[in-house]
Amino acid sequence: MVSTVYKDPSGESAVRRWCSQALARADFALTRTTLDTSVGRVELTSAGTGRPRVVLVPGTGFNAAVALPWLRALSAHWATAVVDLPGQPGLSDPRRPRRDRLAWYGRVLDEVLALMDVDGVVVVGNSLGAAVALAADSPRITARALVSPAGFIRLSVSPGLAWASAVWLSRPTTDHTRRMLRLFVAPGAEPPGTEVEWMTLVASCCRTPLAPPPLPAELLARRAQRPCVVGVGEHDRFLPPRRLAPAVRRTMNLDVRVFPGIGHLTTPADLDEVVSLVAEVANPDAR
């Protein structure tokens, strides 16, 4: 059984138009490629040159158009491609299975890397994208950098966050979206306007999936055989460091870097921390 991320065809058109326009406005050079995969088209947006090759897998509801600040920051150091995951709002195929989605997404990423035909890939995963990076088993992956990673523990959802999310989904206005996203950033910070605009559109046009569950402990233990670094915001309400760090230590024997003054949503102002984390596995000789 499969479902689609969009509520109706007009919603799909609105999302695709928003993404295409955002990419067209980018003030740095991009290359867009569409891969024909066994699950439909998968869109890649790339920038930068050099080795190693970085592949960014965004979080739930995000894609290359929303992650342009990430692409700019990473491509200043490494050739970087952003994957629009199928079954997520963006420019890839809208279909996704109703069950076992993480295993399915892992196979999709394996196929994408095979079609890209590059080795020595550093996969950077954010939130859902981190769980996808862990689910993938491609031998082309030499290292992983995981930011605010799903896949280790169940996400914490406070009553206040649940209420703000319900209001956002039922009445997707800019004010309701901004109120919800304030819980995604550090206390006192304001969410970026692009994310507010985008997430308002997502609530209007898309079906929002449930949070990804933890991956099996034996799979995480196998992933520990390749280099991996993990970072999380000090103020991440979904994945509090006090809960995440013990789980990462138990399953992968890794320490978690805690980013000071950052929430679950990594804003453009926070990306130096991401680049520094990725450099630990992308440029290990430079440490």
Protein backbone atom coordinates (compact mmCIF):
# COMPACT_ATOMS: atom_id res chain seq x y z
CA MET A 1 0.00 0.00 0.00
CA VAL A 2 1.28 3.47 -0.90
CA SER A 3 0.09 6.98 -0.12
CA THR A 4 1.02 10.42 -1.37
CA VAL A 5 2.30 13.35 0.67
CA TYR A 6 -0.12 15.82 -0.95
CA LYS A 7 -3.76 16.38 -0.07
CA ASP A 8 -4.70 17.08 -3.69
CA PRO A 9 -3.14 17.94 -7.11
CA SER A 10 -3.42 21.68 -6.51
CA GLY A 11 -1.36 21.30 -3.35
CA GLU A 12 1.33 19.41 -5.25
CA SER A 13 1.43 22.15 -7.87
CA ALA A 14 1.75 24.86 -5.22
CA VAL A 15 4.62 23.08 -3.47
CA ARG A 16 6.50 22.35 -6.67
CA ARG A 17 6.07 25.97 -7.80
CA TRP A 18 7.38 27.29 -4.47
CA CYS A 19 10.43 25.03 -4.62
CA SER A 20 11.23 25.80 -8.25
CA GLN A 21 10.98 29.54 -7.62
CA ALA A 22 13.16 29.35 -4.51
CA LEU A 23 15.87 27.44 -6.39
CA ALA A 24 15.68 29.89 -9.30
CA ARG A 25 16.31 32.79 -6.88
CA ALA A 26 19.46 31.20 -5.41
CA ASP A 27 22.39 33.60 -5.61
CA PHE A 28 24.99 30.87 -6.08
CA ALA A 29 25.46 28.33 -8.86
CA LEU A 30 23.30 25.21 -8.67
CA THR A 31 22.97 22.07 -10.75
CA ARG A 32 19.68 20.18 -10.76
CA THR A 33 19.43 16.52 -11.73
CA THR A 34 16.46 14.17 -11.81
CA LEU A 35 17.19 10.49 -11.21
CA ASP A 36 14.80 7.80 -12.42
CA THR A 37 14.62 5.28 -9.59
CA SER A 38 12.52 2.22 -8.83
CA VAL A 39 10.25 4.43 -6.67
CA GLY A 40 9.92 7.25 -9.20
CA ARG A 41 11.83 10.44 -9.83
CA VAL A 42 14.25 11.76 -7.22
CA GLU A 43 15.52 15.31 -7.50
CA LEU A 44 19.10 16.27 -6.62
CA THR A 45 20.33 19.85 -6.23
CA SER A 46 24.11 20.23 -6.21
CA ALA A 47 26.77 22.89 -5.73
CA GLY A 48 30.50 23.10 -5.13
CA THR A 49 33.48 21.04 -6.23
CA GLY A 50 36.13 18.79 -4.77
CA ARG A 51 36.36 15.71 -2.62
CA PRO A 52 34.94 14.09 -0.63
CA ARG A 53 31.39 14.21 -1.93
CA VAL A 54 28.79 15.27 0.62
CA VAL A 55 25.16 14.19 0.27
CA LEU A 56 22.66 16.02 2.47
CA VAL A 57 19.40 14.32 3.46
CA PRO A 58 17.01 16.90 4.99
CA GLY A 59 14.46 16.39 7.73
CA THR A 60 10.72 15.82 7.64
CA GLY A 61 8.95 18.23 5.31
CA PHE A 62 12.20 19.81 4.08
CA ASN A 63 14.05 19.68 0.76
CA ALA A 64 16.78 21.42 -1.23
CA ALA A 65 14.75 24.60 -1.72
CA VAL A 66 14.34 25.09 2.03
CA ALA A 67 17.87 23.83 2.76
CA LEU A 68 19.63 26.30 0.46
CA PRO A 69 21.56 27.83 3.40
CA TRP A 70 22.84 24.33 4.25
CA LEU A 71 23.84 23.76 0.63
CA ARG A 72 25.65 27.10 0.46
CA ALA A 73 27.55 26.45 3.69
CA LEU A 74 28.56 22.87 2.88
CA SER A 75 29.39 23.48 -0.80
CA ALA A 76 31.86 26.18 0.18
CA HIS A 77 34.02 23.28 1.42
CA TRP A 78 32.90 20.15 -0.45
CA ALA A 79 30.92 19.16 -3.53
CA THR A 80 27.45 18.79 -2.05
CA ALA A 81 24.16 17.35 -3.30
CA VAL A 82 20.82 17.66 -1.51
CA VAL A 83 18.30 14.85 -1.96
CA ASP A 84 14.61 15.71 -2.11
CA LEU A 85 13.27 12.55 -0.49
CA PRO A 86 10.32 10.94 -2.27
CA GLY A 87 7.14 11.02 -0.24
CA GLN A 88 8.17 14.37 1.25
CA PRO A 89 7.06 17.79 -0.03
CA GLY A 90 9.44 18.91 -2.75
CA LEU A 91 10.38 18.04 -6.30
CA SER A 92 10.62 14.25 -6.04
CA ASP A 93 7.92 11.60 -6.47
CA PRO A 94 5.16 12.16 -3.88
CA ARG A 95 4.46 8.50 -3.15
CA ARG A 96 5.57 6.66 -0.03
CA PRO A 97 4.66 3.39 1.68
CA ARG A 98 2.28 3.35 4.62
CA ARG A 99 4.55 1.07 6.67
CA ASP A 100 8.26 0.41 7.26
CA ARG A 101 9.18 3.80 5.87
CA LEU A 102 12.67 4.04 7.38
CA ALA A 103 13.81 0.78 5.78
CA TRP A 104 12.22 1.94 2.52
CA TYR A 105 13.98 5.30 2.69
CA GLY A 106 17.28 3.56 3.40
CA ARG A 107 16.90 1.52 0.22
CA VAL A 108 15.97 4.66 -1.72
CA LEU A 109 19.16 6.40 -0.55
CA ASP A 110 21.22 3.32 -1.45
CA GLU A 111 19.76 3.45 -4.97
CA VAL A 112 20.35 7.20 -5.28
CA LEU A 113 24.02 6.80 -4.34
CA ALA A 114 24.40 3.97 -6.85
CA LEU A 115 22.90 6.11 -9.62
CA MET A 116 25.15 9.04 -8.67
CA ASP A 117 28.08 6.62 -9.19
CA VAL A 118 30.40 8.28 -6.66
CA ASP A 119 32.36 6.62 -3.89
CA GLY A 120 33.69 7.99 -0.62
CA VAL A 121 30.41 9.75 0.23
CA VAL A 122 29.89 11.58 3.50
CA VAL A 123 26.16 11.54 4.23
CA VAL A 124 24.90 14.46 6.29
CA GLY A 125 21.48 13.73 7.79
CA ASN A 126 19.24 16.15 9.66
CA SER A 127 16.39 14.89 11.86
CA LEU A 128 14.47 12.36 9.69
CA GLY A 129 17.37 12.57 7.23
CA ALA A 130 19.73 11.29 9.91
CA ALA A 131 17.55 8.24 10.46
CA VAL A 132 17.53 7.67 6.68
CA ALA A 133 21.32 7.98 6.61
CA LEU A 134 21.54 5.32 9.32
CA ALA A 135 19.04 3.04 7.56
CA ALA A 136 21.05 3.17 4.32
CA ASP A 137 23.65 0.43 3.90
CA SER A 138 25.43 1.54 0.71
CA PRO A 139 29.14 0.65 0.54
CA ARG A 140 29.59 4.07 -1.10
CA ILE A 141 29.07 5.70 2.32
CA THR A 142 32.37 6.19 4.09
CA ALA A 143 31.13 8.39 6.94
CA ARG A 144 28.00 9.96 8.43
CA ALA A 145 27.41 13.30 10.13
CA LEU A 146 24.08 13.39 11.97
CA VAL A 147 22.46 16.62 13.15
CA SER A 148 19.52 16.49 15.59
CA PRO A 149 19.17 12.84 14.59
CA ALA A 150 15.99 10.82 14.66
CA GLY A 151 16.47 7.06 14.78
CA PHE A 152 17.96 6.74 18.29
CA ILE A 153 15.07 7.64 20.62
CA ARG A 154 11.41 8.49 20.37
CA LEU A 155 10.87 12.20 19.98
CA SER A 156 9.75 14.14 23.04
CA VAL A 157 6.54 16.08 22.45
CA SER A 158 5.35 18.30 25.29
CA PRO A 159 1.66 19.21 25.67
CA GLY A 160 2.47 22.75 24.56
CA LEU A 161 4.20 21.54 21.42
CA ALA A 162 1.41 19.09 20.65
CA TRP A 163 -1.17 21.87 20.98
CA ALA A 164 0.83 24.31 18.82
CA SER A 165 1.27 21.62 16.16
CA ALA A 166 -2.44 20.77 16.17
CA VAL A 167 -3.39 24.43 15.72
CA TRP A 168 -0.82 24.81 12.93
CA LEU A 169 -2.19 21.79 11.07
CA SER A 170 -5.86 22.70 11.48
CA ARG A 171 -5.48 26.44 10.82
CA PRO A 172 -2.26 27.00 8.88
CA THR A 173 -1.73 30.74 9.14
CA THR A 174 1.59 32.56 9.32
CA ASP A 175 1.00 33.44 12.97
CA HIS A 176 0.18 29.85 13.95
CA THR A 177 3.23 28.55 12.09
CA ARG A 178 5.52 31.11 13.69
CA ARG A 179 4.14 30.29 17.15
CA MET A 180 4.83 26.60 16.58
CA LEU A 181 8.31 27.12 15.13
CA ARG A 182 9.33 29.23 18.11
CA LEU A 183 9.39 25.90 19.94
CA PHE A 184 11.89 24.58 17.36
CA VAL A 185 14.50 27.28 18.01
CA ALA A 186 16.32 28.46 21.12
CA PRO A 187 14.32 30.34 23.76
CA GLY A 188 13.87 33.96 22.76
CA ALA A 189 14.89 33.36 19.13
CA GLU A 190 12.61 33.90 16.15
CA PRO A 191 12.30 31.25 13.39
CA PRO A 192 13.53 32.35 9.94
CA GLY A 193 10.89 33.83 7.66
CA THR A 194 11.56 31.30 4.91
CA GLU A 195 10.77 28.39 7.23
CA VAL A 196 7.61 30.13 8.45
CA GLU A 197 6.40 30.66 4.88
CA TRP A 198 7.31 27.13 3.85
CA MET A 199 5.76 25.34 6.82
CA THR A 200 2.53 27.30 6.39
CA LEU A 201 2.39 26.00 2.83
CA VAL A 202 3.18 22.45 4.00
CA ALA A 203 0.30 22.45 6.50
CA SER A 204 -2.06 23.73 3.80
CA CYS A 205 -1.04 21.28 1.08
CA CYS A 206 0.46 18.18 2.67
CA ARG A 207 -0.22 15.25 4.92
CA THR A 208 2.26 15.33 7.74
CA PRO A 209 3.80 11.94 8.61
CA LEU A 210 4.32 10.69 12.13
CA ALA A 211 7.74 10.99 13.72
CA PRO A 212 10.17 8.20 12.78
CA PRO A 213 10.66 5.47 15.41
CA PRO A 214 14.04 4.38 16.79
CA LEU A 215 16.05 2.06 14.58
CA PRO A 216 16.96 -1.45 15.80
CA ALA A 217 19.93 -1.51 18.16
CA GLU A 218 21.71 -4.14 16.08
CA LEU A 219 21.52 -1.93 12.97
CA LEU A 220 22.95 1.04 14.89
CA ALA A 221 25.77 -1.17 16.17
CA ARG A 222 26.66 -2.09 12.57
CA ARG A 223 26.68 1.59 11.56
CA ALA A 224 29.25 2.23 14.29
CA GLN A 225 31.77 0.33 12.17
CA ARG A 226 32.14 3.39 9.92
CA PRO A 227 33.10 6.91 11.04
CA CYS A 228 30.16 8.86 12.42
CA VAL A 229 29.68 12.12 14.32
CA VAL A 230 26.53 13.32 16.05
CA GLY A 231 25.45 16.81 17.08
CA VAL A 232 22.32 18.21 18.70
CA GLY A 233 21.18 21.63 19.84
CA GLU A 234 21.37 22.53 23.50
CA HIS A 235 17.69 23.54 23.39
CA ASP A 236 16.34 20.73 21.20
CA ARG A 237 12.92 20.01 22.67
CA PHE A 238 12.35 16.92 20.48
CA LEU A 239 15.70 15.28 21.14
CA PRO A 240 16.96 16.68 24.45
CA PRO A 241 20.70 16.05 24.82
CA ARG A 242 20.12 14.49 28.25
CA ARG A 243 18.06 11.74 26.55
CA LEU A 244 19.82 11.52 23.20
CA ALA A 245 23.43 11.34 24.42
CA PRO A 246 23.02 8.16 26.53
CA ALA A 247 21.22 6.39 23.67
CA VAL A 248 23.95 7.27 21.16
CA ARG A 249 26.64 6.18 23.61
CA ARG A 250 24.82 2.89 24.31
CA THR A 251 24.12 1.96 20.68
CA MET A 252 27.12 3.38 18.80
CA ASN A 253 29.66 4.15 21.53
CA LEU A 254 29.82 7.79 20.40
CA ASP A 255 29.81 11.07 22.26
CA VAL A 256 27.31 13.70 21.17
CA ARG A 257 28.44 17.24 20.48
CA VAL A 258 25.99 19.72 22.02
CA PHE A 259 25.61 22.91 20.00
CA PRO A 260 25.23 25.86 22.42
CA GLY A 261 22.30 28.18 21.93
CA ILE A 262 20.61 26.05 19.23
CA GLY A 263 17.24 24.29 19.12
CA HIS A 264 15.95 21.49 16.92
CA LEU A 265 15.68 23.75 13.86
CA THR A 266 19.15 24.59 12.62
CA THR A 267 18.93 28.17 11.33
CA PRO A 268 21.37 29.82 8.89
CA ALA A 269 23.12 31.46 11.86
CA ASP A 270 23.88 28.00 13.28
CA LEU A 271 25.51 26.44 10.22
CA ASP A 272 29.11 27.02 11.29
CA GLU A 273 28.49 24.35 13.92
CA VAL A 274 27.22 21.95 11.23
CA VAL A 275 30.22 22.59 8.96
CA SER A 276 32.59 22.02 11.88
CA LEU A 277 30.85 18.73 12.70
CA VAL A 278 30.97 17.52 9.09
CA ALA A 279 34.66 18.45 8.84
CA GLU A 280 35.46 15.93 11.58
CA VAL A 281 34.67 13.09 9.18
CA ALA A 282 35.10 14.80 5.82
CA ASN A 283 38.59 16.16 6.62
CA PRO A 284 39.83 13.86 9.40
CA ASP A 285 43.49 14.54 8.62
CA ALA A 286 42.99 18.25 9.30
CA ARG A 287 42.12 17.72 12.95
